[in-house]
């Protein structure tokens, strides 16, 4: 079988693929043509070395150099930069917002203002706390109460109690002070006693601090003064406001029920806040 033209070409290509000495053979053939005759060994080696270098240079220009893969490193610089830019933009926005606020020269009290309202609420809260603190300090003050134990006749005494004491606590203090002189008081409780000042029967739950703070008034004088004056109701004009105060009376409830239709008991009225605070 005669080989065809294409088969001959294929065999030739295969021979070239598996021919490992083709480059070296080409160099030797070129060297043979260029070196005719005798030559020194040094010149021969130099010519051979130059041929190899030239061949390597041609190969490098023929086939491009492969690029090395780029190695990426982990970095947060981009995120930090974006965050800084975001904060800067927010700061610029806040400044711009402040610059675009309300005109301070214009009356704007009637307009809603969250910042102003929050500041006013804070000031009110501080004022309330300060007022409560002052009240507590005032309630601890010791005051002297002059009274008259009344059993048809007056027996004037005085006791010292905290300003925040209630009328009930005051009556218990009076009972303890008087029971050695008046034996009947040792057999009853303070709830069986009554305190009448300026012709007003004061309830047991009210405090002296409240009477002083509200500047409460009775029928014949103030309920917030506890110093002593002579009984001048007969010659004084009850139509004129006065700061003169009279000693309050401490009486047993049993005695009051028995004599409530006689003078001066029938003049006494129960306490009602603000009832007698009218101008004279």
Protein backbone atom coordinates (compact mmCIF):
# COMPACT_ATOMS: atom_id res chain seq x y z
CA UNK A 1 0.00 0.00 0.00
CA UNK A 2 1.48 3.33 -1.11
CA UNK A 3 1.29 6.04 1.62
CA UNK A 4 -0.75 9.05 0.63
CA UNK A 5 0.36 12.68 0.81
CA UNK A 6 -1.66 13.45 3.92
CA UNK A 7 -0.30 10.39 5.70
CA UNK A 8 3.24 11.42 4.88
CA UNK A 9 2.55 14.94 6.37
CA UNK A 10 1.02 13.42 9.52
CA UNK A 11 4.05 11.15 10.02
CA UNK A 12 6.32 14.12 9.54
CA UNK A 13 4.47 16.13 12.20
CA UNK A 14 4.60 13.21 14.61
CA UNK A 15 8.33 12.88 14.06
CA UNK A 16 8.77 16.56 14.81
CA UNK A 17 6.67 16.28 18.01
CA UNK A 18 8.72 13.41 19.40
CA UNK A 19 12.07 14.69 18.18
CA UNK A 20 13.69 16.06 21.36
CA UNK A 21 17.00 16.90 19.68
CA UNK A 22 15.58 19.04 16.90
CA UNK A 23 16.70 22.36 18.44
CA UNK A 24 20.15 21.08 19.21
CA UNK A 25 20.47 19.58 15.69
CA UNK A 26 19.54 22.91 14.12
CA UNK A 27 22.20 24.70 16.12
CA UNK A 28 24.81 22.14 15.11
CA UNK A 29 23.86 22.41 11.43
CA UNK A 30 24.14 26.19 11.52
CA UNK A 31 27.46 25.95 13.29
CA UNK A 32 28.82 23.55 10.61
CA UNK A 33 27.96 25.97 7.82
CA UNK A 34 29.48 28.92 9.64
CA UNK A 35 32.69 27.18 10.77
CA UNK A 36 34.58 25.96 7.69
CA UNK A 37 38.13 24.88 8.23
CA UNK A 38 40.22 24.72 11.39
CA UNK A 39 39.51 26.99 14.39
CA UNK A 40 40.86 27.24 17.94
CA UNK A 41 38.91 25.49 20.77
CA UNK A 42 38.12 28.80 22.49
CA UNK A 43 36.62 30.27 19.34
CA UNK A 44 34.63 27.09 18.81
CA UNK A 45 33.14 27.21 22.35
CA UNK A 46 32.40 30.93 22.05
CA UNK A 47 30.54 30.42 18.79
CA UNK A 48 28.56 27.54 20.27
CA UNK A 49 27.60 29.63 23.38
CA UNK A 50 26.48 32.58 21.25
CA UNK A 51 24.29 30.29 19.22
CA UNK A 52 22.55 28.90 22.30
CA UNK A 53 21.94 32.40 23.75
CA UNK A 54 20.46 33.62 20.49
CA UNK A 55 18.19 30.62 20.35
CA UNK A 56 16.94 31.20 23.91
CA UNK A 57 16.21 34.87 23.17
CA UNK A 58 14.18 33.93 20.11
CA UNK A 59 12.16 31.43 22.15
CA UNK A 60 11.35 34.06 24.80
CA UNK A 61 10.12 36.54 22.20
CA UNK A 62 8.11 33.85 20.47
CA UNK A 63 6.21 32.72 23.57
CA UNK A 64 4.87 35.50 25.89
CA UNK A 65 5.68 35.34 29.58
CA UNK A 66 2.84 34.03 31.77
CA UNK A 67 1.44 36.51 34.29
CA UNK A 68 1.66 35.56 37.96
CA UNK A 69 -1.70 35.30 39.73
CA UNK A 70 -2.45 38.36 41.88
CA UNK A 71 -2.72 37.61 45.60
CA UNK A 72 -5.44 39.59 47.42
CA UNK A 73 -5.10 40.41 51.14
CA UNK A 74 -7.95 40.93 53.62
CA UNK A 75 -8.42 44.61 54.46
CA UNK A 76 -11.10 46.71 56.21
CA UNK A 77 -9.69 50.01 55.02
CA UNK A 78 -12.50 50.50 52.51
CA UNK A 79 -15.21 49.92 55.14
CA UNK A 80 -13.51 52.23 57.65
CA UNK A 81 -13.22 54.94 55.01
CA UNK A 82 -16.91 54.58 54.14
CA UNK A 83 -17.88 54.75 57.84
CA UNK A 84 -15.78 57.89 58.35
CA UNK A 85 -17.38 59.51 55.32
CA UNK A 86 -20.84 58.55 56.60
CA UNK A 87 -20.14 60.07 60.04
CA UNK A 88 -18.76 63.20 58.43
CA UNK A 89 -21.83 63.55 56.25
CA UNK A 90 -24.08 63.05 59.31
CA UNK A 91 -22.16 65.73 61.22
CA UNK A 92 -22.51 68.09 58.28
CA UNK A 93 -26.23 67.34 58.20
CA UNK A 94 -26.60 68.04 61.94
CA UNK A 95 -24.77 71.34 61.61
CA UNK A 96 -26.92 72.27 58.66
CA UNK A 97 -30.05 71.39 60.63
CA UNK A 98 -28.97 73.62 63.51
CA UNK A 99 -28.23 76.45 61.13
CA UNK A 100 -31.69 76.06 59.64
CA UNK A 101 -33.45 76.24 63.05
CA UNK A 102 -36.05 78.72 64.17
CA UNK A 103 -35.34 82.42 64.30
CA UNK A 104 -34.58 83.22 67.94
CA UNK A 105 -35.69 86.81 67.52
CA UNK A 106 -39.27 85.71 66.78
CA UNK A 107 -41.74 84.77 69.53
CA UNK A 108 -42.21 81.01 69.22
CA UNK A 109 -43.46 80.04 72.67
CA UNK A 110 -46.78 78.95 71.20
CA UNK A 111 -45.07 76.51 68.79
CA UNK A 112 -44.20 72.94 69.81
CA UNK A 113 -40.52 72.53 70.64
CA UNK A 114 -39.40 69.10 71.92
CA UNK A 115 -36.06 70.42 73.14
CA UNK A 116 -37.63 73.32 75.06
CA UNK A 117 -40.37 71.09 76.50
CA UNK A 118 -37.80 68.53 77.67
CA UNK A 119 -35.75 71.27 79.34
CA UNK A 120 -38.84 72.70 81.05
CA UNK A 121 -39.85 69.23 82.28
CA UNK A 122 -36.34 68.70 83.68
CA UNK A 123 -36.46 72.06 85.50
CA UNK A 124 -39.91 71.30 86.92
CA UNK A 125 -38.70 67.94 88.20
CA UNK A 126 -35.67 69.54 89.85
CA UNK A 127 -37.88 72.22 91.43
CA UNK A 128 -40.26 69.58 92.79
CA UNK A 129 -37.38 67.60 94.28
CA UNK A 130 -35.97 70.75 95.87
CA UNK A 131 -39.39 71.69 97.29
CA UNK A 132 -39.86 68.21 98.76
CA UNK A 133 -36.41 68.37 100.32
CA UNK A 134 -37.18 71.75 101.89
CA UNK A 135 -40.53 70.45 103.18
CA UNK A 136 -38.82 67.51 104.86
CA UNK A 137 -36.36 69.85 106.53
CA UNK A 138 -39.18 72.10 107.75
CA UNK A 139 -41.12 69.16 109.17
CA UNK A 140 -38.14 68.30 111.37
CA UNK A 141 -38.11 71.73 113.02
CA UNK A 142 -39.16 71.76 116.67
CA UNK A 143 -41.95 74.20 117.54
CA UNK A 144 -43.53 75.10 120.88
CA UNK A 145 -47.31 74.75 121.18
CA UNK A 146 -49.02 76.61 124.01
CA UNK A 147 -52.39 75.07 124.94
CA UNK A 148 -54.95 75.11 127.73
CA UNK A 149 -56.42 71.92 129.12
CA UNK A 150 -60.09 72.88 129.52
CA UNK A 151 -62.39 71.14 131.97
CA UNK A 152 -64.53 74.19 132.66
CA UNK A 153 -61.45 76.05 133.77
CA UNK A 154 -58.22 76.71 131.87
CA UNK A 155 -54.92 75.01 132.77
CA UNK A 156 -52.22 76.47 130.50
CA UNK A 157 -49.30 74.29 129.52
CA UNK A 158 -46.89 73.98 126.58
CA UNK A 159 -45.17 71.14 124.73
CA UNK A 160 -42.41 71.01 122.07
CA UNK A 161 -43.00 68.77 119.06
CA UNK A 162 -41.75 68.48 115.44
CA UNK A 163 -43.52 70.74 113.00
CA UNK A 164 -44.58 67.71 110.93
CA UNK A 165 -46.55 66.16 113.83
CA UNK A 166 -50.28 65.55 113.44
CA UNK A 167 -52.94 66.88 115.81
CA UNK A 168 -53.42 63.32 117.08
CA UNK A 169 -49.71 63.02 117.96
CA UNK A 170 -49.85 66.41 119.66
CA UNK A 171 -52.83 65.32 121.80
CA UNK A 172 -51.01 62.14 122.84
CA UNK A 173 -48.03 64.25 123.94
CA UNK A 174 -50.39 66.49 125.94
CA UNK A 175 -52.07 63.49 127.58
CA UNK A 176 -48.74 62.05 128.69
CA UNK A 177 -47.73 65.41 130.15
CA UNK A 178 -51.03 65.98 132.01
CA UNK A 179 -51.91 62.50 133.25
CA UNK A 180 -49.85 62.87 136.42
CA UNK A 181 -51.90 65.97 137.36
CA UNK A 182 -55.27 64.87 136.03
CA UNK A 183 -55.89 61.23 136.82
CA UNK A 184 -58.83 60.91 134.42
CA UNK A 185 -56.41 61.36 131.47
CA UNK A 186 -54.51 58.21 132.42
CA UNK A 187 -57.66 56.13 131.77
CA UNK A 188 -58.41 57.38 128.25
CA UNK A 189 -56.70 57.42 124.84
CA UNK A 190 -55.69 60.46 122.82
CA UNK A 191 -58.56 59.68 120.42
CA UNK A 192 -60.91 60.76 123.23
CA UNK A 193 -59.37 64.25 123.26
CA UNK A 194 -60.16 67.24 121.02
CA UNK A 195 -58.08 70.28 120.02
CA UNK A 196 -59.93 73.54 119.43
CA UNK A 197 -58.10 76.65 118.20
CA UNK A 198 -59.67 79.96 117.15
CA UNK A 199 -63.14 78.38 117.65
CA UNK A 200 -62.33 75.65 115.09
CA UNK A 201 -62.24 71.92 115.93
CA UNK A 202 -59.11 70.57 114.20
CA UNK A 203 -59.13 66.95 112.93
CA UNK A 204 -56.56 64.49 114.24
CA UNK A 205 -55.00 63.75 110.81
CA UNK A 206 -53.95 67.30 109.87
CA UNK A 207 -50.36 68.40 110.58
CA UNK A 208 -49.06 71.64 112.02
CA UNK A 209 -46.82 71.92 108.95
CA UNK A 210 -49.89 71.99 106.71
CA UNK A 211 -51.57 74.67 108.84
CA UNK A 212 -48.45 76.83 108.73
CA UNK A 213 -47.74 76.26 105.03
CA UNK A 214 -51.29 77.10 103.90
CA UNK A 215 -51.60 79.94 106.45
CA UNK A 216 -54.92 78.50 107.56
CA UNK A 217 -57.28 80.72 109.50
CA UNK A 218 -59.98 80.12 112.08
CA UNK A 219 -63.01 82.20 113.09
CA UNK A 220 -61.09 84.47 115.48
CA UNK A 221 -57.48 84.35 114.26
CA UNK A 222 -54.75 82.46 112.43
CA UNK A 223 -54.20 78.75 112.88
CA UNK A 224 -50.52 79.02 111.94
CA UNK A 225 -49.36 81.04 114.98
CA UNK A 226 -48.94 79.24 118.29
CA UNK A 227 -47.60 82.03 120.45
CA UNK A 228 -49.87 83.36 123.22
CA UNK A 229 -51.91 86.53 123.51
CA UNK A 230 -54.51 87.54 126.06
CA UNK A 231 -58.09 86.83 125.18
CA UNK A 232 -59.18 90.16 123.73
CA UNK A 233 -62.14 88.98 121.67
CA UNK A 234 -64.53 91.06 123.76
CA UNK A 235 -62.87 94.37 122.87
CA UNK A 236 -61.42 93.51 119.44
CA UNK A 237 -63.16 94.01 116.11
CA UNK A 238 -63.64 90.62 114.47
CA UNK A 239 -64.17 92.35 111.11
CA UNK A 240 -60.47 93.23 111.01
CA UNK A 241 -57.83 90.68 110.08
CA UNK A 242 -55.38 90.08 112.88
CA UNK A 243 -52.31 87.94 113.52
CA UNK A 244 -53.06 87.73 117.25
CA UNK A 245 -53.36 84.10 118.25
CA UNK A 246 -54.95 82.53 121.30
CA UNK A 247 -53.96 79.38 123.15
CA UNK A 248 -55.80 76.36 121.77
CA UNK A 249 -57.99 74.26 124.08
CA UNK A 250 -57.56 70.56 124.76
CA UNK A 251 -60.82 69.00 126.00
CA UNK A 252 -62.25 65.54 126.50
CA UNK A 253 -64.81 64.53 123.90
CA UNK A 254 -67.17 63.48 126.70
CA UNK A 255 -67.04 66.96 128.21
CA UNK A 256 -67.68 68.51 124.76
CA UNK A 257 -70.80 66.41 124.15
CA UNK A 258 -72.12 67.37 127.57
CA UNK A 259 -71.54 71.13 127.13
CA UNK A 260 -71.86 71.73 123.38
CA UNK A 261 -74.97 73.89 123.84
CA UNK A 262 -73.30 76.27 126.29
CA UNK A 263 -70.96 79.19 125.76
CA UNK A 264 -68.34 79.16 124.32
CA UNK A 265 -68.67 75.57 123.07
CA UNK A 266 -71.66 76.27 120.82
CA UNK A 267 -69.43 78.64 118.79
CA UNK A 268 -67.02 75.90 117.80
CA UNK A 269 -67.15 74.61 114.24
CA UNK A 270 -65.44 71.72 112.46
CA UNK A 271 -62.40 72.58 110.35
CA UNK A 272 -62.94 73.03 106.62
CA UNK A 273 -59.89 74.08 104.53
CA UNK A 274 -60.24 77.64 103.24
CA UNK A 275 -63.62 78.29 104.89
CA UNK A 276 -62.36 81.11 107.11
CA UNK A 277 -59.66 82.44 104.77
CA UNK A 278 -61.99 85.11 103.40
CA UNK A 279 -60.86 88.74 103.82
CA UNK A 280 -62.34 90.59 106.77
